[in-house]
Amino acid sequence: MSPIPTNPIAASWTMHIPVISTAHMPHAQAAFEIQDTTVAAYPEGAFVRVSFEEAFANDEWLRPVRDWLAKTSLSDCWVRFDRDGEVVEDLPTFAWATERECAA
């Protein structure tokens, strides 16, 4: 059995995930409506697995994001939708209802 490395560099790895604004999602629960993919939610957004080979049901809003990711020549990957993420000029944005509008 090999010992666990004590050198943090020897045990580290790097993962690159694009971070974009949740404004590119039509509403807060949109990622959960995509069938046959993996979503990892957190209070400020969600990580969504995007495949270039599979067509997802209920993913019309995700297609422009998938096309944008494909231009970076990445393979299937994750994208992080975050409330403080970058608004990408080439992607559609959605106006979410505010709490005040929902209460009316």
C-alpha atoms as a PDB file:
ATOM      1  CA  MET A   1       0.000   0.000   0.000  1.00  0.00           C
ATOM      2  CA  SER A   2       1.493   3.378  -0.967  1.00  0.00           C
ATOM      3  CA  PRO A   3       1.476   6.171   1.534  1.00  0.00           C
ATOM      4  CA  ILE A   4      -0.660   9.246   0.975  1.00  0.00           C
ATOM      5  CA  PRO A   5       1.580  12.007  -0.434  1.00  0.00           C
ATOM      6  CA  THR A   6       2.386  14.700   2.096  1.00  0.00           C
ATOM      7  CA  ASN A   7       3.421  17.129  -0.653  1.00  0.00           C
ATOM      8  CA  PRO A   8       0.243  19.050  -1.613  1.00  0.00           C
ATOM      9  CA  ILE A   9       1.567  19.630  -5.144  1.00  0.00           C
ATOM     10  CA  ALA A  10       1.944  15.910  -5.732  1.00  0.00           C
ATOM     11  CA  ALA A  11      -1.665  15.339  -4.723  1.00  0.00           C
ATOM     12  CA  SER A  12      -3.244  18.301  -6.494  1.00  0.00           C
ATOM     13  CA  TRP A  13      -4.990  18.585  -9.841  1.00  0.00           C
ATOM     14  CA  THR A  14      -6.742  21.341 -11.695  1.00  0.00           C
ATOM     15  CA  MET A  15     -10.238  21.404 -13.148  1.00  0.00           C
ATOM     16  CA  HIS A  16     -11.355  24.190 -15.469  1.00  0.00           C
ATOM     17  CA  ILE A  17     -15.064  24.977 -15.552  1.00  0.00           C
ATOM     18  CA  PRO A  18     -16.600  27.959 -17.354  1.00  0.00           C
ATOM     19  CA  VAL A  19     -18.569  30.173 -14.946  1.00  0.00           C
ATOM     20  CA  ILE A  20     -21.450  32.116 -16.461  1.00  0.00           C
ATOM     21  CA  SER A  21     -24.345  34.081 -15.016  1.00  0.00           C
ATOM     22  CA  THR A  22     -27.596  32.477 -13.945  1.00  0.00           C
ATOM     23  CA  ALA A  23     -29.158  35.152 -16.189  1.00  0.00           C
ATOM     24  CA  HIS A  24     -28.536  32.618 -18.979  1.00  0.00           C
ATOM     25  CA  MET A  25     -31.091  30.301 -17.318  1.00  0.00           C
ATOM     26  CA  PRO A  26     -34.798  31.068 -17.792  1.00  0.00           C
ATOM     27  CA  HIS A  27     -35.519  30.548 -14.069  1.00  0.00           C
ATOM     28  CA  ALA A  28     -33.932  29.130 -10.927  1.00  0.00           C
ATOM     29  CA  GLN A  29     -35.187  25.567 -11.454  1.00  0.00           C
ATOM     30  CA  ALA A  30     -34.406  25.347 -15.193  1.00  0.00           C
ATOM     31  CA  ALA A  31     -31.368  23.097 -14.760  1.00  0.00           C
ATOM     32  CA  PHE A  32     -33.492  20.510 -12.945  1.00  0.00           C
ATOM     33  CA  GLU A  33     -35.934  20.348 -15.857  1.00  0.00           C
ATOM     34  CA  ILE A  34     -33.276  19.012 -18.220  1.00  0.00           C
ATOM     35  CA  GLN A  35     -33.699  15.273 -18.517  1.00  0.00           C
ATOM     36  CA  ASP A  36     -30.799  12.821 -18.673  1.00  0.00           C
ATOM     37  CA  THR A  37     -28.077  15.083 -17.319  1.00  0.00           C
ATOM     38  CA  THR A  38     -26.404  15.697 -13.995  1.00  0.00           C
ATOM     39  CA  VAL A  39     -26.981  18.846 -11.946  1.00  0.00           C
ATOM     40  CA  ALA A  40     -25.231  19.830  -8.730  1.00  0.00           C
ATOM     41  CA  ALA A  41     -26.998  22.768  -7.128  1.00  0.00           C
ATOM     42  CA  TYR A  42     -25.689  25.173  -4.515  1.00  0.00           C
ATOM     43  CA  PRO A  43     -27.330  28.324  -3.065  1.00  0.00           C
ATOM     44  CA  GLU A  44     -25.946  30.719  -5.707  1.00  0.00           C
ATOM     45  CA  GLY A  45     -26.394  28.522  -8.776  1.00  0.00           C
ATOM     46  CA  ALA A  46     -25.722  25.083 -10.217  1.00  0.00           C
ATOM     47  CA  PHE A  47     -23.138  22.971 -12.005  1.00  0.00           C
ATOM     48  CA  VAL A  48     -24.646  21.357 -15.122  1.00  0.00           C
ATOM     49  CA  ARG A  49     -23.064  18.609 -17.209  1.00  0.00           C
ATOM     50  CA  VAL A  50     -23.299  19.477 -20.893  1.00  0.00           C
ATOM     51  CA  SER A  51     -22.890  16.857 -23.580  1.00  0.00           C
ATOM     52  CA  PHE A  52     -22.252  17.723 -27.215  1.00  0.00           C
ATOM     53  CA  GLU A  53     -23.370  14.329 -28.473  1.00  0.00           C
ATOM     54  CA  GLU A  54     -26.626  13.894 -26.590  1.00  0.00           C
ATOM     55  CA  ALA A  55     -29.804  15.836 -27.163  1.00  0.00           C
ATOM     56  CA  PHE A  56     -31.526  16.588 -23.881  1.00  0.00           C
ATOM     57  CA  ALA A  57     -35.263  16.909 -23.486  1.00  0.00           C
ATOM     58  CA  ASN A  58     -36.462  20.315 -22.208  1.00  0.00           C
ATOM     59  CA  ASP A  59     -33.157  21.939 -23.063  1.00  0.00           C
ATOM     60  CA  GLU A  60     -34.067  24.616 -25.616  1.00  0.00           C
ATOM     61  CA  TRP A  61     -32.540  27.336 -23.434  1.00  0.00           C
ATOM     62  CA  LEU A  62     -29.342  25.281 -23.000  1.00  0.00           C
ATOM     63  CA  ARG A  63     -28.644  24.812 -26.720  1.00  0.00           C
ATOM     64  CA  PRO A  64     -26.985  28.242 -27.179  1.00  0.00           C
ATOM     65  CA  VAL A  65     -24.801  27.522 -24.124  1.00  0.00           C
ATOM     66  CA  ARG A  66     -23.840  24.138 -25.598  1.00  0.00           C
ATOM     67  CA  ASP A  67     -22.985  25.790 -28.940  1.00  0.00           C
ATOM     68  CA  TRP A  68     -20.918  28.452 -27.129  1.00  0.00           C
ATOM     69  CA  LEU A  69     -19.024  25.750 -25.216  1.00  0.00           C
ATOM     70  CA  ALA A  70     -18.409  23.792 -28.428  1.00  0.00           C
ATOM     71  CA  LYS A  71     -16.633  26.835 -29.916  1.00  0.00           C
ATOM     72  CA  THR A  72     -14.014  26.485 -27.183  1.00  0.00           C
ATOM     73  CA  SER A  73     -13.310  22.978 -28.543  1.00  0.00           C
ATOM     74  CA  LEU A  74     -13.857  21.375 -25.154  1.00  0.00           C
ATOM     75  CA  SER A  75     -15.283  17.894 -24.969  1.00  0.00           C
ATOM     76  CA  ASP A  76     -18.323  17.123 -22.861  1.00  0.00           C
ATOM     77  CA  CYS A  77     -17.936  19.279 -19.815  1.00  0.00           C
ATOM     78  CA  TRP A  78     -19.522  21.024 -16.891  1.00  0.00           C
ATOM     79  CA  VAL A  79     -20.651  24.618 -16.848  1.00  0.00           C
ATOM     80  CA  ARG A  80     -21.231  26.542 -13.641  1.00  0.00           C
ATOM     81  CA  PHE A  81     -24.200  28.900 -13.594  1.00  0.00           C
ATOM     82  CA  ASP A  82     -23.570  31.394 -10.786  1.00  0.00           C
ATOM     83  CA  ARG A  83     -25.465  34.523  -9.743  1.00  0.00           C
ATOM     84  CA  ASP A  84     -22.162  36.441  -9.841  1.00  0.00           C
ATOM     85  CA  GLY A  85     -20.914  34.761 -13.022  1.00  0.00           C
ATOM     86  CA  GLU A  86     -20.078  36.540 -16.255  1.00  0.00           C
ATOM     87  CA  VAL A  87     -22.876  37.588 -18.591  1.00  0.00           C
ATOM     88  CA  VAL A  88     -21.720  36.340 -21.982  1.00  0.00           C
ATOM     89  CA  GLU A  89     -22.667  38.779 -24.730  1.00  0.00           C
ATOM     90  CA  ASP A  90     -23.246  36.007 -27.299  1.00  0.00           C
ATOM     91  CA  LEU A  91     -25.759  34.146 -25.118  1.00  0.00           C
ATOM     92  CA  PRO A  92     -29.432  34.955 -24.504  1.00  0.00           C
ATOM     93  CA  THR A  93     -30.401  36.258 -21.077  1.00  0.00           C
ATOM     94  CA  PHE A  94     -33.672  35.946 -19.226  1.00  0.00           C
ATOM     95  CA  ALA A  95     -35.354  38.416 -16.878  1.00  0.00           C
ATOM     96  CA  TRP A  96     -36.373  36.622 -13.715  1.00  0.00           C
ATOM     97  CA  ALA A  97     -39.395  37.764 -11.723  1.00  0.00           C
ATOM     98  CA  THR A  98     -38.480  39.599  -8.547  1.00  0.00           C
ATOM     99  CA  GLU A  99     -39.894  38.631  -5.142  1.00  0.00           C
ATOM    100  CA  ARG A 100     -42.112  41.713  -5.282  1.00  0.00           C
ATOM    101  CA  GLU A 101     -43.503  40.669  -8.708  1.00  0.00           C
ATOM    102  CA  CYS A 102     -44.145  37.131  -7.437  1.00  0.00           C
ATOM    103  CA  ALA A 103     -46.024  38.454  -4.393  1.00  0.00           C
ATOM    104  CA  ALA A 104     -48.343  40.612  -6.525  1.00  0.00           C
END
